């Protein structure tokens, strides 16, 4: 599908930097009801409805993982 816009990016950041990115995402959701992403010169704004499904997963093992997902 040519219209698919997908970002799947992994970066190693300091914990404080990761928190700042999550905070910026949360602030954008709260203030603008949307989030904006850029990739390869393309910019897309995703409007987020008033109600979403929030899933939080924690996996503890050889590698630990915290996953936060919003769906609508």
C-alpha atoms as a PDB file:
ATOM      1  CA  UNK A   1       0.000   0.000   0.000  1.00  0.00           C
ATOM      2  CA  UNK A   2       1.608   3.298  -1.106  1.00  0.00           C
ATOM      3  CA  UNK A   3      -0.306   5.466   1.359  1.00  0.00           C
ATOM      4  CA  UNK A   4       1.026   3.672   4.423  1.00  0.00           C
ATOM      5  CA  UNK A   5       3.028   5.948   6.691  1.00  0.00           C
ATOM      6  CA  UNK A   6       4.897   3.921   9.266  1.00  0.00           C
ATOM      7  CA  UNK A   7       7.663   4.813  11.651  1.00  0.00           C
ATOM      8  CA  UNK A   8       9.495   2.018  13.413  1.00  0.00           C
ATOM      9  CA  UNK A   9      12.600   3.511  14.921  1.00  0.00           C
ATOM     10  CA  UNK A  10      14.807   2.405  17.791  1.00  0.00           C
ATOM     11  CA  UNK A  11      17.327   4.703  19.435  1.00  0.00           C
ATOM     12  CA  UNK A  12      19.458   4.445  22.531  1.00  0.00           C
ATOM     13  CA  UNK A  13      18.776   7.463  24.749  1.00  0.00           C
ATOM     14  CA  UNK A  14      19.446   8.477  28.293  1.00  0.00           C
ATOM     15  CA  UNK A  15      16.461   7.814  30.546  1.00  0.00           C
ATOM     16  CA  UNK A  16      15.861  11.582  30.906  1.00  0.00           C
ATOM     17  CA  UNK A  17      15.855  12.035  27.122  1.00  0.00           C
ATOM     18  CA  UNK A  18      13.326   9.235  26.689  1.00  0.00           C
ATOM     19  CA  UNK A  19      11.134  10.821  29.375  1.00  0.00           C
ATOM     20  CA  UNK A  20      11.345  14.192  27.601  1.00  0.00           C
ATOM     21  CA  UNK A  21      10.186  12.621  24.321  1.00  0.00           C
ATOM     22  CA  UNK A  22       7.283  10.881  26.033  1.00  0.00           C
ATOM     23  CA  UNK A  23       6.374  14.150  27.776  1.00  0.00           C
ATOM     24  CA  UNK A  24       6.406  16.042  24.460  1.00  0.00           C
ATOM     25  CA  UNK A  25       4.134  13.411  22.919  1.00  0.00           C
ATOM     26  CA  UNK A  26       1.751  13.602  25.884  1.00  0.00           C
ATOM     27  CA  UNK A  27       1.761  17.418  25.790  1.00  0.00           C
ATOM     28  CA  UNK A  28       0.921  17.401  22.083  1.00  0.00           C
ATOM     29  CA  UNK A  29      -1.974  15.005  22.673  1.00  0.00           C
ATOM     30  CA  UNK A  30      -3.310  17.149  25.502  1.00  0.00           C
ATOM     31  CA  UNK A  31      -2.892  20.577  23.883  1.00  0.00           C
ATOM     32  CA  UNK A  32      -3.499  19.882  20.198  1.00  0.00           C
ATOM     33  CA  UNK A  33      -5.460  16.603  20.135  1.00  0.00           C
ATOM     34  CA  UNK A  34      -2.908  15.397  17.597  1.00  0.00           C
ATOM     35  CA  UNK A  35       0.703  14.360  17.117  1.00  0.00           C
ATOM     36  CA  UNK A  36       3.003  15.192  14.219  1.00  0.00           C
ATOM     37  CA  UNK A  37       5.692  12.931  12.771  1.00  0.00           C
ATOM     38  CA  UNK A  38       8.279  13.458  10.035  1.00  0.00           C
ATOM     39  CA  UNK A  39      10.067  10.913   7.871  1.00  0.00           C
ATOM     40  CA  UNK A  40      12.079  11.380   4.687  1.00  0.00           C
ATOM     41  CA  UNK A  41      10.809  14.908   4.156  1.00  0.00           C
ATOM     42  CA  UNK A  42       7.168  13.890   4.660  1.00  0.00           C
ATOM     43  CA  UNK A  43       5.212  15.308   7.537  1.00  0.00           C
ATOM     44  CA  UNK A  44       2.015  13.801   8.869  1.00  0.00           C
ATOM     45  CA  UNK A  45      -0.304  14.952  11.635  1.00  0.00           C
ATOM     46  CA  UNK A  46      -2.394  12.288  13.303  1.00  0.00           C
ATOM     47  CA  UNK A  47      -5.627  13.508  14.878  1.00  0.00           C
ATOM     48  CA  UNK A  48      -6.445  11.604  18.043  1.00  0.00           C
ATOM     49  CA  UNK A  49     -10.082  11.306  19.165  1.00  0.00           C
ATOM     50  CA  UNK A  50     -11.338  12.199  22.631  1.00  0.00           C
ATOM     51  CA  UNK A  51     -11.380   8.531  23.684  1.00  0.00           C
ATOM     52  CA  UNK A  52      -8.642   5.998  23.025  1.00  0.00           C
ATOM     53  CA  UNK A  53      -7.740   2.508  24.205  1.00  0.00           C
ATOM     54  CA  UNK A  54      -4.548   2.605  26.282  1.00  0.00           C
ATOM     55  CA  UNK A  55      -2.524  -0.579  26.735  1.00  0.00           C
ATOM     56  CA  UNK A  56       0.541  -0.775  28.957  1.00  0.00           C
ATOM     57  CA  UNK A  57       2.656  -3.935  28.875  1.00  0.00           C
ATOM     58  CA  UNK A  58       5.631  -4.749  31.068  1.00  0.00           C
ATOM     59  CA  UNK A  59       7.913  -7.698  30.351  1.00  0.00           C
ATOM     60  CA  UNK A  60      10.602  -8.661  32.839  1.00  0.00           C
ATOM     61  CA  UNK A  61      13.168 -11.246  31.828  1.00  0.00           C
ATOM     62  CA  UNK A  62      16.516 -11.408  30.093  1.00  0.00           C
ATOM     63  CA  UNK A  63      15.625  -8.029  28.556  1.00  0.00           C
ATOM     64  CA  UNK A  64      13.070  -5.759  30.183  1.00  0.00           C
ATOM     65  CA  UNK A  65      10.431  -3.935  28.181  1.00  0.00           C
ATOM     66  CA  UNK A  66       7.773  -1.312  28.813  1.00  0.00           C
ATOM     67  CA  UNK A  67       5.366  -0.857  25.918  1.00  0.00           C
ATOM     68  CA  UNK A  68       2.712   1.861  25.725  1.00  0.00           C
ATOM     69  CA  UNK A  69       0.123   1.688  22.952  1.00  0.00           C
ATOM     70  CA  UNK A  70      -2.818   3.908  21.987  1.00  0.00           C
ATOM     71  CA  UNK A  71      -5.537   2.608  19.657  1.00  0.00           C
ATOM     72  CA  UNK A  72      -8.698   4.061  18.282  1.00  0.00           C
END
